[in-house]
PDB file of N, CA and C in Angstrom:
ATOM      1  N   MET A   1     -32.609   3.446 100.803  1.00  0.00           N
ATOM      2  CA  MET A   1     -31.222   3.199 100.508  1.00  0.00           C
ATOM      3  C   MET A   1     -30.676   2.862  98.992  1.00  0.00           C
ATOM      4  N   THR A   2     -30.054   3.520  98.275  1.00  0.00           N
ATOM      5  CA  THR A   2     -29.488   2.972  97.159  1.00  0.00           C
ATOM      6  C   THR A   2     -27.977   3.089  97.153  1.00  0.00           C
ATOM      7  N   VAL A   3     -27.244   1.972  97.509  1.00  0.00           N
ATOM      8  CA  VAL A   3     -26.134   2.040  97.399  1.00  0.00           C
ATOM      9  C   VAL A   3     -25.186   1.196  96.470  1.00  0.00           C
ATOM     10  N   LYS A   4     -24.251   1.864  95.702  1.00  0.00           N
ATOM     11  CA  LYS A   4     -23.769   1.541  94.532  1.00  0.00           C
ATOM     12  C   LYS A   4     -22.305   1.673  94.519  1.00  0.00           C
ATOM     13  N   LEU A   5     -21.433   0.874  93.708  1.00  0.00           N
ATOM     14  CA  LEU A   5     -20.153   1.019  93.681  1.00  0.00           C
ATOM     15  C   LEU A   5     -19.861   2.213  93.432  1.00  0.00           C
ATOM     16  N   ASN A   6     -18.456   2.772  94.364  1.00  0.00           N
ATOM     17  CA  ASN A   6     -18.049   4.123  93.894  1.00  0.00           C
ATOM     18  C   ASN A   6     -16.953   3.704  92.867  1.00  0.00           C
ATOM     19  N   LYS A   7     -17.253   3.863  91.703  1.00  0.00           N
ATOM     20  CA  LYS A   7     -16.107   3.486  90.671  1.00  0.00           C
ATOM     21  C   LYS A   7     -14.841   4.317  90.872  1.00  0.00           C
ATOM     22  N   PRO A   8     -14.779   5.627  90.940  1.00  0.00           N
ATOM     23  CA  PRO A   8     -13.470   6.303  91.300  1.00  0.00           C
ATOM     24  C   PRO A   8     -12.621   5.849  92.512  1.00  0.00           C
ATOM     25  N   ALA A   9     -13.447   5.304  93.454  1.00  0.00           N
ATOM     26  CA  ALA A   9     -12.580   4.729  94.728  1.00  0.00           C
ATOM     27  C   ALA A   9     -12.159   3.444  94.241  1.00  0.00           C
ATOM     28  N   PHE A  10     -12.538   2.578  93.524  1.00  0.00           N
ATOM     29  CA  PHE A  10     -12.315   1.272  92.984  1.00  0.00           C
ATOM     30  C   PHE A  10     -10.854   1.541  92.408  1.00  0.00           C
ATOM     31  N   GLU A  11     -11.067   2.385  91.342  1.00  0.00           N
ATOM     32  CA  GLU A  11      -9.881   2.538  90.511  1.00  0.00           C
ATOM     33  C   GLU A  11      -8.772   3.033  91.356  1.00  0.00           C
ATOM     34  N   HIS A  12      -8.995   3.869  92.600  1.00  0.00           N
ATOM     35  CA  HIS A  12      -8.079   4.493  93.299  1.00  0.00           C
ATOM     36  C   HIS A  12      -7.235   3.244  94.198  1.00  0.00           C
ATOM     37  N   ALA A  13      -8.153   2.193  94.532  1.00  0.00           N
ATOM     38  CA  ALA A  13      -7.656   1.260  95.317  1.00  0.00           C
ATOM     39  C   ALA A  13      -6.921   0.410  94.501  1.00  0.00           C
ATOM     40  N   LYS A  14      -7.239   0.328  93.221  1.00  0.00           N
ATOM     41  CA  LYS A  14      -6.507  -0.613  92.338  1.00  0.00           C
ATOM     42  C   LYS A  14      -4.894   0.071  92.423  1.00  0.00           C
ATOM     43  N   LEU A  15      -5.001   1.395  91.916  1.00  0.00           N
ATOM     44  CA  LEU A  15      -3.625   2.018  91.734  1.00  0.00           C
ATOM     45  C   LEU A  15      -3.010   2.079  93.164  1.00  0.00           C
ATOM     46  N   LEU A  16      -3.394   2.009  94.312  1.00  0.00           N
ATOM     47  CA  LEU A  16      -2.482   2.086  95.587  1.00  0.00           C
ATOM     48  C   LEU A  16      -1.948   0.442  95.528  1.00  0.00           C
ATOM     49  N   ILE A  17      -2.822  -0.547  94.993  1.00  0.00           N
ATOM     50  CA  ILE A  17      -2.255  -1.958  95.116  1.00  0.00           C
ATOM     51  C   ILE A  17      -0.972  -2.049  94.076  1.00  0.00           C
ATOM     52  N   ASP A  18      -1.421  -1.529  92.919  1.00  0.00           N
ATOM     53  CA  ASP A  18      -0.221  -1.234  91.861  1.00  0.00           C
ATOM     54  C   ASP A  18       1.131  -0.450  92.516  1.00  0.00           C
ATOM     55  N   LYS A  19       0.807   0.445  93.225  1.00  0.00           N
ATOM     56  CA  LYS A  19       2.006   1.283  93.853  1.00  0.00           C
ATOM     57  C   LYS A  19       2.583   0.544  94.938  1.00  0.00           C
ATOM     58  N   ARG A  20       1.828  -0.651  95.617  1.00  0.00           N
ATOM     59  CA  ARG A  20       2.365  -1.235  96.789  1.00  0.00           C
ATOM     60  C   ARG A  20       2.216  -0.300  98.159  1.00  0.00           C
ATOM     61  N   GLN A  21       1.148   0.390  98.021  1.00  0.00           N
ATOM     62  CA  GLN A  21       0.808   1.111  99.160  1.00  0.00           C
ATOM     63  C   GLN A  21      -0.421   0.427  99.785  1.00  0.00           C
ATOM     64  N   THR A  22       0.343  -0.680 100.464  1.00  0.00           N
ATOM     65  CA  THR A  22      -0.786  -1.695 100.917  1.00  0.00           C
ATOM     66  C   THR A  22      -0.159  -2.035 102.281  1.00  0.00           C
ATOM     67  N   ALA A  23      -1.371  -2.714 103.297  1.00  0.00           N
ATOM     68  CA  ALA A  23      -0.950  -3.215 104.516  1.00  0.00           C
ATOM     69  C   ALA A  23      -1.885  -4.476 104.245  1.00  0.00           C
ATOM     70  N   LEU A  24      -0.710  -5.734 104.560  1.00  0.00           N
ATOM     71  CA  LEU A  24      -1.232  -6.885 104.056  1.00  0.00           C
ATOM     72  C   LEU A  24      -1.745  -7.572 105.519  1.00  0.00           C
ATOM     73  N   ASP A  25      -2.380  -7.272 106.101  1.00  0.00           N
ATOM     74  CA  ASP A  25      -2.777  -7.288 107.659  1.00  0.00           C
ATOM     75  C   ASP A  25      -3.887  -8.639 107.537  1.00  0.00           C
ATOM     76  N   ASP A  26      -4.305  -9.087 108.959  1.00  0.00           N
ATOM     77  CA  ASP A  26      -5.183 -10.151 108.893  1.00  0.00           C
ATOM     78  C   ASP A  26      -6.544  -9.303 109.146  1.00  0.00           C
ATOM     79  N   ARG A  27      -7.622 -10.665 108.701  1.00  0.00           N
ATOM     80  CA  ARG A  27      -8.903 -10.167 108.844  1.00  0.00           C
ATOM     81  C   ARG A  27      -9.360  -9.492 109.951  1.00  0.00           C
ATOM     82  N   ASP A  28      -8.874  -9.799 110.991  1.00  0.00           N
ATOM     83  CA  ASP A  28      -9.510  -9.237 112.258  1.00  0.00           C
ATOM     84  C   ASP A  28      -8.867  -7.895 112.743  1.00  0.00           C
ATOM     85  N   ASP A  29      -8.081  -7.399 112.060  1.00  0.00           N
ATOM     86  CA  ASP A  29      -7.270  -6.098 112.359  1.00  0.00           C
ATOM     87  C   ASP A  29      -8.011  -5.011 112.024  1.00  0.00           C
ATOM     88  N   TRP A  30      -9.172  -4.842 111.322  1.00  0.00           N
ATOM     89  CA  TRP A  30      -9.854  -3.591 110.730  1.00  0.00           C
ATOM     90  C   TRP A  30     -10.402  -2.894 111.926  1.00  0.00           C
ATOM     91  N   SER A  31     -10.808  -3.600 112.905  1.00  0.00           N
ATOM     92  CA  SER A  31     -11.281  -2.635 114.292  1.00  0.00           C
ATOM     93  C   SER A  31     -10.191  -1.572 114.664  1.00  0.00           C
ATOM     94  N   GLU A  32      -8.917  -2.141 114.615  1.00  0.00           N
ATOM     95  CA  GLU A  32      -8.024  -1.474 115.035  1.00  0.00           C
ATOM     96  C   GLU A  32      -7.433  -0.343 114.089  1.00  0.00           C
ATOM     97  N   HIS A  33      -7.448  -0.893 112.688  1.00  0.00           N
ATOM     98  CA  HIS A  33      -6.725   0.111 111.603  1.00  0.00           C
ATOM     99  C   HIS A  33      -7.575   0.922 111.052  1.00  0.00           C
ATOM    100  N   ALA A  34      -8.722   0.826 111.053  1.00  0.00           N
ATOM    101  CA  ALA A  34      -9.841   1.803 110.439  1.00  0.00           C
ATOM    102  C   ALA A  34      -9.811   3.075 110.887  1.00  0.00           C
ATOM    103  N   PRO A  35      -9.878   4.089 110.193  1.00  0.00           N
ATOM    104  CA  PRO A  35      -9.601   5.363 110.693  1.00  0.00           C
ATOM    105  C   PRO A  35     -10.743   5.719 111.842  1.00  0.00           C
ATOM    106  N   SER A  36     -10.314   6.395 112.640  1.00  0.00           N
ATOM    107  CA  SER A  36     -11.194   7.286 113.600  1.00  0.00           C
ATOM    108  C   SER A  36     -12.151   8.165 112.988  1.00  0.00           C
ATOM    109  N   THR A  37     -13.134   8.505 113.805  1.00  0.00           N
ATOM    110  CA  THR A  37     -14.047   9.770 113.631  1.00  0.00           C
ATOM    111  C   THR A  37     -13.185  11.005 113.453  1.00  0.00           C
ATOM    112  N   ASP A  38     -12.272  11.062 114.438  1.00  0.00           N
ATOM    113  CA  ASP A  38     -11.391  12.237 114.273  1.00  0.00           C
ATOM    114  C   ASP A  38     -10.382  12.129 113.228  1.00  0.00           C
ATOM    115  N   ARG A  39      -9.960  10.852 113.130  1.00  0.00           N
ATOM    116  CA  ARG A  39      -8.909  10.811 111.703  1.00  0.00           C
ATOM    117  C   ARG A  39      -9.555  11.315 110.277  1.00  0.00           C
ATOM    118  N   GLU A  40     -10.902  10.734 110.214  1.00  0.00           N
ATOM    119  CA  GLU A  40     -11.851  10.997 109.061  1.00  0.00           C
ATOM    120  C   GLU A  40     -11.954  12.591 108.812  1.00  0.00           C
ATOM    121  N   ASN A  41     -12.338  13.189 110.220  1.00  0.00           N
ATOM    122  CA  ASN A  41     -12.670  14.522 110.094  1.00  0.00           C
ATOM    123  C   ASN A  41     -11.360  15.530 109.814  1.00  0.00           C
ATOM    124  N   ASP A  42     -10.165  15.103 110.135  1.00  0.00           N
ATOM    125  CA  ASP A  42      -9.124  15.720 109.826  1.00  0.00           C
ATOM    126  C   ASP A  42      -8.727  15.653 108.236  1.00  0.00           C
ATOM    127  N   TYR A  43      -8.991  14.449 107.664  1.00  0.00           N
ATOM    128  CA  TYR A  43      -8.447  14.186 106.641  1.00  0.00           C
ATOM    129  C   TYR A  43      -9.451  14.988 105.605  1.00  0.00           C
ATOM    130  N   LEU A  44     -10.718  15.107 105.969  1.00  0.00           N
ATOM    131  CA  LEU A  44     -11.997  15.694 105.200  1.00  0.00           C
ATOM    132  C   LEU A  44     -11.689  17.114 105.177  1.00  0.00           C
ATOM    133  N   ASP A  45     -11.264  17.744 106.320  1.00  0.00           N
ATOM    134  CA  ASP A  45     -10.895  19.069 106.545  1.00  0.00           C
ATOM    135  C   ASP A  45      -9.754  19.609 105.528  1.00  0.00           C
ATOM    136  N   LYS A  46      -8.730  18.783 105.593  1.00  0.00           N
ATOM    137  CA  LYS A  46      -7.453  18.718 104.840  1.00  0.00           C
ATOM    138  C   LYS A  46      -7.638  18.721 103.172  1.00  0.00           C
ATOM    139  N   HIS A  47      -8.300  17.776 103.027  1.00  0.00           N
ATOM    140  CA  HIS A  47      -8.599  17.193 101.589  1.00  0.00           C
ATOM    141  C   HIS A  47      -9.685  17.304 100.683  1.00  0.00           C
ATOM    142  N   GLY A  48     -10.842  17.664 101.513  1.00  0.00           N
ATOM    143  CA  GLY A  48     -12.184  17.909 100.637  1.00  0.00           C
ATOM    144  C   GLY A  48     -12.819  16.529 100.462  1.00  0.00           C
ATOM    145  N   TRP A  49     -14.011  16.560  99.980  1.00  0.00           N
ATOM    146  CA  TRP A  49     -14.982  15.494  99.745  1.00  0.00           C
ATOM    147  C   TRP A  49     -14.460  14.723  98.480  1.00  0.00           C
ATOM    148  N   ASP A  50     -14.034  15.284  97.358  1.00  0.00           N
ATOM    149  CA  ASP A  50     -13.342  14.501  96.499  1.00  0.00           C
ATOM    150  C   ASP A  50     -12.647  13.268  96.752  1.00  0.00           C
ATOM    151  N   GLU A  51     -11.416  13.819  97.463  1.00  0.00           N
ATOM    152  CA  GLU A  51     -10.558  12.953  97.936  1.00  0.00           C
ATOM    153  C   GLU A  51     -11.061  11.945  99.078  1.00  0.00           C
ATOM    154  N   TYR A  52     -11.635  12.505  99.756  1.00  0.00           N
ATOM    155  CA  TYR A  52     -12.002  11.630 100.983  1.00  0.00           C
ATOM    156  C   TYR A  52     -13.064  10.477 100.332  1.00  0.00           C
ATOM    157  N   SER A  53     -13.910  10.747  99.336  1.00  0.00           N
ATOM    158  CA  SER A  53     -14.959   9.812  98.842  1.00  0.00           C
ATOM    159  C   SER A  53     -14.056   8.521  98.138  1.00  0.00           C
ATOM    160  N   GLN A  54     -12.751   8.716  97.914  1.00  0.00           N
ATOM    161  CA  GLN A  54     -12.003   7.975  97.125  1.00  0.00           C
ATOM    162  C   GLN A  54     -11.732   6.630  98.226  1.00  0.00           C
ATOM    163  N   TRP A  55     -11.840   6.887  99.034  1.00  0.00           N
ATOM    164  CA  TRP A  55     -11.350   5.924 100.128  1.00  0.00           C
ATOM    165  C   TRP A  55     -12.641   4.946 100.809  1.00  0.00           C
ATOM    166  N   TYR A  56     -13.676   5.125  99.963  1.00  0.00           N
ATOM    167  CA  TYR A  56     -15.118   4.541 100.383  1.00  0.00           C
ATOM    168  C   TYR A  56     -15.594   3.836  98.886  1.00  0.00           C
ATOM    169  N   LEU A  57     -15.838   2.393  99.078  1.00  0.00           N
ATOM    170  CA  LEU A  57     -16.341   1.747  97.574  1.00  0.00           C
ATOM    171  C   LEU A  57     -17.434   1.682  97.237  1.00  0.00           C
ATOM    172  N   GLY A  58     -18.413   2.508  98.411  1.00  0.00           N
ATOM    173  CA  GLY A  58     -20.028   2.302  97.935  1.00  0.00           C
ATOM    174  C   GLY A  58     -20.332   3.620  98.361  1.00  0.00           C
ATOM    175  N   VAL A  59     -21.339   4.075  97.631  1.00  0.00           N
ATOM    176  CA  VAL A  59     -21.856   5.450  97.887  1.00  0.00           C
ATOM    177  C   VAL A  59     -23.482   5.355  97.716  1.00  0.00           C
ATOM    178  N   ASP A  60     -24.238   5.861  98.669  1.00  0.00           N
ATOM    179  CA  ASP A  60     -25.447   5.870  98.755  1.00  0.00           C
ATOM    180  C   ASP A  60     -25.953   7.221  98.124  1.00  0.00           C
ATOM    181  N   THR A  61     -26.436   7.047  97.014  1.00  0.00           N
ATOM    182  CA  THR A  61     -27.126   7.865  95.950  1.00  0.00           C
ATOM    183  C   THR A  61     -28.185   8.755  96.431  1.00  0.00           C
ATOM    184  N   GLU A  62     -28.844   8.300  97.659  1.00  0.00           N
ATOM    185  CA  GLU A  62     -29.837   9.267  98.092  1.00  0.00           C
ATOM    186  C   GLU A  62     -29.466  10.036  99.180  1.00  0.00           C
ATOM    187  N   MET A  63     -28.151  10.120  99.491  1.00  0.00           N
ATOM    188  CA  MET A  63     -27.647  11.124 100.378  1.00  0.00           C
ATOM    189  C   MET A  63     -26.728  12.184  99.952  1.00  0.00           C
ATOM    190  N   ASP A  64     -26.783  13.288 100.466  1.00  0.00           N
ATOM    191  CA  ASP A  64     -26.070  14.415  99.580  1.00  0.00           C
ATOM    192  C   ASP A  64     -24.571  14.100  99.766  1.00  0.00           C
ATOM    193  N   GLU A  65     -24.086  14.665  98.623  1.00  0.00           N
ATOM    194  CA  GLU A  65     -22.713  14.415  98.368  1.00  0.00           C
ATOM    195  C   GLU A  65     -21.779  14.786  99.501  1.00  0.00           C
ATOM    196  N   GLU A  66     -21.898  15.873 100.178  1.00  0.00           N
ATOM    197  CA  GLU A  66     -21.084  16.269 101.175  1.00  0.00           C
ATOM    198  C   GLU A  66     -21.796  15.928 102.657  1.00  0.00           C
ATOM    199  N   THR A  67     -21.926  14.519 102.549  1.00  0.00           N
ATOM    200  CA  THR A  67     -22.116  14.265 104.167  1.00  0.00           C
ATOM    201  C   THR A  67     -21.560  12.830 104.163  1.00  0.00           C
ATOM    202  N   LYS A  68     -21.022  12.701 105.442  1.00  0.00           N
ATOM    203  CA  LYS A  68     -20.337  11.191 105.642  1.00  0.00           C
ATOM    204  C   LYS A  68     -21.041  10.185 105.354  1.00  0.00           C
ATOM    205  N   GLY A  69     -22.475  10.167 105.531  1.00  0.00           N
ATOM    206  CA  GLY A  69     -23.227   9.202 105.503  1.00  0.00           C
ATOM    207  C   GLY A  69     -23.321   8.866 104.229  1.00  0.00           C
ATOM    208  N   ARG A  70     -22.913   9.237 103.193  1.00  0.00           N
ATOM    209  CA  ARG A  70     -23.122   9.004 101.887  1.00  0.00           C
ATOM    210  C   ARG A  70     -22.196   7.813 101.434  1.00  0.00           C
ATOM    211  N   TYR A  71     -20.982   7.763 102.118  1.00  0.00           N
ATOM    212  CA  TYR A  71     -20.174   6.943 101.791  1.00  0.00           C
ATOM    213  C   TYR A  71     -19.941   5.771 102.720  1.00  0.00           C
ATOM    214  N   LYS A  72     -19.604   4.584 101.843  1.00  0.00           N
ATOM    215  CA  LYS A  72     -19.854   3.252 102.819  1.00  0.00           C
ATOM    216  C   LYS A  72     -18.782   2.436 102.441  1.00  0.00           C
ATOM    217  N   PHE A  73     -18.364   1.406 103.008  1.00  0.00           N
ATOM    218  CA  PHE A  73     -17.541   0.435 102.587  1.00  0.00           C
ATOM    219  C   PHE A  73     -16.016   1.008 102.742  1.00  0.00           C
ATOM    220  N   PRO A  74     -15.370   1.709 103.976  1.00  0.00           N
ATOM    221  CA  PRO A  74     -14.110   2.025 103.674  1.00  0.00           C
ATOM    222  C   PRO A  74     -13.163   0.895 103.502  1.00  0.00           C
ATOM    223  N   TYR A  75     -11.938   1.149 102.946  1.00  0.00           N
ATOM    224  CA  TYR A  75     -11.008   0.099 102.660  1.00  0.00           C
ATOM    225  C   TYR A  75      -9.541   0.566 103.147  1.00  0.00           C
ATOM    226  N   GLY A  76      -9.191   1.717 103.548  1.00  0.00           N
ATOM    227  CA  GLY A  76      -8.094   1.981 103.979  1.00  0.00           C
ATOM    228  C   GLY A  76      -7.930   3.263 105.064  1.00  0.00           C
ATOM    229  N   ASP A  77      -6.858   3.522 105.205  1.00  0.00           N
ATOM    230  CA  ASP A  77      -6.696   4.592 106.565  1.00  0.00           C
ATOM    231  C   ASP A  77      -6.208   5.988 105.952  1.00  0.00           C
ATOM    232  N   PHE A  78      -6.370   6.171 104.499  1.00  0.00           N
ATOM    233  CA  PHE A  78      -6.282   7.386 103.992  1.00  0.00           C
ATOM    234  C   PHE A  78      -4.689   7.509 103.555  1.00  0.00           C
ATOM    235  N   GLN A  79      -3.965   6.427 103.702  1.00  0.00           N
ATOM    236  CA  GLN A  79      -2.331   6.374 103.132  1.00  0.00           C
ATOM    237  C   GLN A  79      -2.333   5.013 102.633  1.00  0.00           C
ATOM    238  N   ARG A  80      -2.940   3.869 102.866  1.00  0.00           N
ATOM    239  CA  ARG A  80      -2.722   2.655 102.563  1.00  0.00           C
ATOM    240  C   ARG A  80      -4.090   2.082 102.176  1.00  0.00           C
ATOM    241  N   ILE A  81      -4.336   0.828 101.497  1.00  0.00           N
ATOM    242  CA  ILE A  81      -5.262   0.076 101.420  1.00  0.00           C
ATOM    243  C   ILE A  81      -5.134  -0.878 102.409  1.00  0.00           C
ATOM    244  N   HIS A  82      -5.882  -1.306 103.136  1.00  0.00           N
ATOM    245  CA  HIS A  82      -5.865  -2.513 103.997  1.00  0.00           C
ATOM    246  C   HIS A  82      -6.332  -3.745 103.624  1.00  0.00           C
ATOM    247  N   ARG A  83      -5.648  -4.782 103.799  1.00  0.00           N
ATOM    248  CA  ARG A  83      -6.346  -6.220 103.151  1.00  0.00           C
ATOM    249  C   ARG A  83      -7.493  -6.432 104.285  1.00  0.00           C
ATOM    250  N   CYS A  84      -7.331  -6.076 105.542  1.00  0.00           N
ATOM    251  CA  CYS A  84      -8.348  -6.460 106.638  1.00  0.00           C
ATOM    252  C   CYS A  84      -9.666  -5.296 106.205  1.00  0.00           C
ATOM    253  N   GLY A  85      -9.436  -4.024 105.616  1.00  0.00           N
ATOM    254  CA  GLY A  85     -10.648  -3.557 105.374  1.00  0.00           C
ATOM    255  C   GLY A  85     -11.431  -3.892 103.964  1.00  0.00           C
ATOM    256  N   VAL A  86     -10.637  -4.440 103.202  1.00  0.00           N
ATOM    257  CA  VAL A  86     -11.348  -5.209 101.964  1.00  0.00           C
ATOM    258  C   VAL A  86     -11.860  -6.345 102.403  1.00  0.00           C
ATOM    259  N   ILE A  87     -11.397  -7.325 103.302  1.00  0.00           N
ATOM    260  CA  ILE A  87     -12.226  -8.322 103.802  1.00  0.00           C
ATOM    261  C   ILE A  87     -13.497  -7.967 104.407  1.00  0.00           C
ATOM    262  N   SER A  88     -13.323  -6.911 105.244  1.00  0.00           N
ATOM    263  CA  SER A  88     -14.673  -6.522 105.918  1.00  0.00           C
ATOM    264  C   SER A  88     -15.484  -5.809 104.976  1.00  0.00           C
ATOM    265  N   ALA A  89     -14.930  -5.372 104.297  1.00  0.00           N
ATOM    266  CA  ALA A  89     -15.834  -4.608 102.976  1.00  0.00           C
ATOM    267  C   ALA A  89     -16.578  -5.833 102.168  1.00  0.00           C
ATOM    268  N   GLU A  90     -15.938  -6.481 101.753  1.00  0.00           N
ATOM    269  CA  GLU A  90     -16.189  -7.914 101.041  1.00  0.00           C
ATOM    270  C   GLU A  90     -17.271  -8.578 101.803  1.00  0.00           C
ATOM    271  N   SER A  91     -17.331  -9.017 103.042  1.00  0.00           N
ATOM    272  CA  SER A  91     -18.206  -9.788 103.777  1.00  0.00           C
ATOM    273  C   SER A  91     -19.544  -8.760 103.950  1.00  0.00           C
ATOM    274  N   ARG A  92     -19.293  -7.856 104.248  1.00  0.00           N
ATOM    275  CA  ARG A  92     -20.536  -6.542 104.853  1.00  0.00           C
ATOM    276  C   ARG A  92     -21.303  -6.284 103.192  1.00  0.00           C
ATOM    277  N   ALA A  93     -20.629  -6.347 101.997  1.00  0.00           N
ATOM    278  CA  ALA A  93     -21.485  -6.060 100.913  1.00  0.00           C
ATOM    279  C   ALA A  93     -22.011  -7.287 100.537  1.00  0.00           C
ATOM    280  N   ALA A  94     -21.439  -8.409 100.714  1.00  0.00           N
ATOM    281  CA  ALA A  94     -22.281  -9.809 100.490  1.00  0.00           C
ATOM    282  C   ALA A  94     -23.424 -10.152 101.239  1.00  0.00           C
ATOM    283  N   GLN A  95     -23.244  -9.616 102.591  1.00  0.00           N
ATOM    284  CA  GLN A  95     -24.543  -9.729 103.528  1.00  0.00           C
ATOM    285  C   GLN A  95     -25.551  -8.856 103.099  1.00  0.00           C
ATOM    286  N   GLN A  96     -25.345  -7.750 102.699  1.00  0.00           N
ATOM    287  CA  GLN A  96     -26.339  -6.576 102.049  1.00  0.00           C
ATOM    288  C   GLN A  96     -26.545  -6.788 100.738  1.00  0.00           C
ATOM    289  N   ASP A  97     -26.284  -7.746 100.088  1.00  0.00           N
ATOM    290  CA  ASP A  97     -26.569  -8.124  98.533  1.00  0.00           C
ATOM    291  C   ASP A  97     -26.375  -6.822  97.533  1.00  0.00           C
ATOM    292  N   TYR A  98     -24.929  -6.307  97.762  1.00  0.00           N
ATOM    293  CA  TYR A  98     -24.656  -5.026  96.976  1.00  0.00           C
ATOM    294  C   TYR A  98     -23.671  -5.924  95.955  1.00  0.00           C
ATOM    295  N   ASP A  99     -24.072  -6.641  95.025  1.00  0.00           N
ATOM    296  CA  ASP A  99     -23.364  -7.506  94.119  1.00  0.00           C
ATOM    297  C   ASP A  99     -22.091  -6.564  93.439  1.00  0.00           C
ATOM    298  N   ASP A 100     -22.580  -5.405  93.054  1.00  0.00           N
ATOM    299  CA  ASP A 100     -21.402  -4.668  92.196  1.00  0.00           C
ATOM    300  C   ASP A 100     -20.343  -4.283  93.143  1.00  0.00           C
ATOM    301  N   ILE A 101     -20.642  -4.040  94.358  1.00  0.00           N
ATOM    302  CA  ILE A 101     -19.391  -3.885  95.477  1.00  0.00           C
ATOM    303  C   ILE A 101     -18.898  -5.042  95.793  1.00  0.00           C
ATOM    304  N   THR A 102     -19.592  -6.151  95.843  1.00  0.00           N
ATOM    305  CA  THR A 102     -19.070  -7.486  96.424  1.00  0.00           C
ATOM    306  C   THR A 102     -18.170  -7.950  95.590  1.00  0.00           C
ATOM    307  N   ASP A 103     -18.307  -7.742  94.003  1.00  0.00           N
ATOM    308  CA  ASP A 103     -17.517  -8.026  92.894  1.00  0.00           C
ATOM    309  C   ASP A 103     -16.178  -7.468  92.955  1.00  0.00           C
ATOM    310  N   ALA A 104     -16.391  -6.213  92.944  1.00  0.00           N
ATOM    311  CA  ALA A 104     -15.193  -5.308  93.139  1.00  0.00           C
ATOM    312  C   ALA A 104     -14.119  -5.429  94.550  1.00  0.00           C
ATOM    313  N   VAL A 105     -14.932  -5.718  95.374  1.00  0.00           N
ATOM    314  CA  VAL A 105     -14.070  -6.142  96.262  1.00  0.00           C
ATOM    315  C   VAL A 105     -13.333  -7.255  96.322  1.00  0.00           C
ATOM    316  N   ALA A 106     -13.999  -8.438  95.942  1.00  0.00           N
ATOM    317  CA  ALA A 106     -13.509  -9.537  95.837  1.00  0.00           C
ATOM    318  C   ALA A 106     -12.307  -9.396  94.657  1.00  0.00           C
ATOM    319  N   GLU A 107     -12.222  -8.558  93.840  1.00  0.00           N
ATOM    320  CA  GLU A 107     -11.187  -8.379  92.690  1.00  0.00           C
ATOM    321  C   GLU A 107     -10.060  -7.687  93.684  1.00  0.00           C
ATOM    322  N   LEU A 108     -10.319  -6.803  94.486  1.00  0.00           N
ATOM    323  CA  LEU A 108      -9.175  -6.220  95.343  1.00  0.00           C
ATOM    324  C   LEU A 108      -8.621  -7.068  96.221  1.00  0.00           C
ATOM    325  N   HIS A 109      -9.573  -7.818  96.784  1.00  0.00           N
ATOM    326  CA  HIS A 109      -9.007  -8.985  97.548  1.00  0.00           C
ATOM    327  C   HIS A 109      -7.796  -9.928  96.904  1.00  0.00           C
ATOM    328  N   LYS A 110      -8.319 -10.328  95.914  1.00  0.00           N
ATOM    329  CA  LYS A 110      -7.720 -11.299  94.752  1.00  0.00           C
ATOM    330  C   LYS A 110      -6.091 -10.412  94.485  1.00  0.00           C
ATOM    331  N   ARG A 111      -6.332  -9.284  93.940  1.00  0.00           N
ATOM    332  CA  ARG A 111      -4.848  -8.448  93.676  1.00  0.00           C
ATOM    333  C   ARG A 111      -4.038  -8.354  94.785  1.00  0.00           C
ATOM    334  N   LEU A 112      -4.626  -8.061  96.107  1.00  0.00           N
ATOM    335  CA  LEU A 112      -3.954  -7.847  97.229  1.00  0.00           C
ATOM    336  C   LEU A 112      -3.192  -9.446  97.593  1.00  0.00           C
ATOM    337  N   ASP A 113      -3.954 -10.211  97.665  1.00  0.00           N
ATOM    338  CA  ASP A 113      -3.389 -11.407  97.957  1.00  0.00           C
ATOM    339  C   ASP A 113      -2.167 -11.963  96.975  1.00  0.00           C
ATOM    340  N   GLY A 114      -2.393 -11.541  95.554  1.00  0.00           N
ATOM    341  CA  GLY A 114      -1.218 -11.808  94.711  1.00  0.00           C
ATOM    342  C   GLY A 114      -0.088 -10.544  94.644  1.00  0.00           C
ATOM    343  N   SER A 115      -0.482  -9.524  95.109  1.00  0.00           N
ATOM    344  CA  SER A 115       0.247  -8.487  94.541  1.00  0.00           C
ATOM    345  C   SER A 115       2.061  -8.794  95.510  1.00  0.00           C
ATOM    346  N   HIS A 116       1.753  -9.581  96.407  1.00  0.00           N
ATOM    347  CA  HIS A 116       3.328  -9.560  97.097  1.00  0.00           C
ATOM    348  C   HIS A 116       3.720 -11.035  97.141  1.00  0.00           C
ATOM    349  N   ALA A 117       3.227 -11.680  96.093  1.00  0.00           N
ATOM    350  CA  ALA A 117       3.709 -13.284  95.911  1.00  0.00           C
ATOM    351  C   ALA A 117       5.341 -13.381  95.394  1.00  0.00           C
TER     352      ALA A 117
END
């Protein structure tokens, strides 16, 4: 498995922060705020793979582009970036030694925490 930073998703996340399309929730809220499989499927049906992929900070380059298994490290609910999703992605990327993703997510975390100061 080769997982790399999804640069378009990273740029999308920064844009959401700039637009203040954020949820500044707590670390442990991600299990409740993460999109369900049904929500993912609905979004995918309505918006397609390109827009779907913008909500995942990692891509497994060994997987086909039109499979959900290709996209890793979700950070939002298809409307807003969630602080809890960013924190979850940050810790999981660090545990798996995905340094480019860890660095990008750390930047998003810092931006989120400073965006409403």
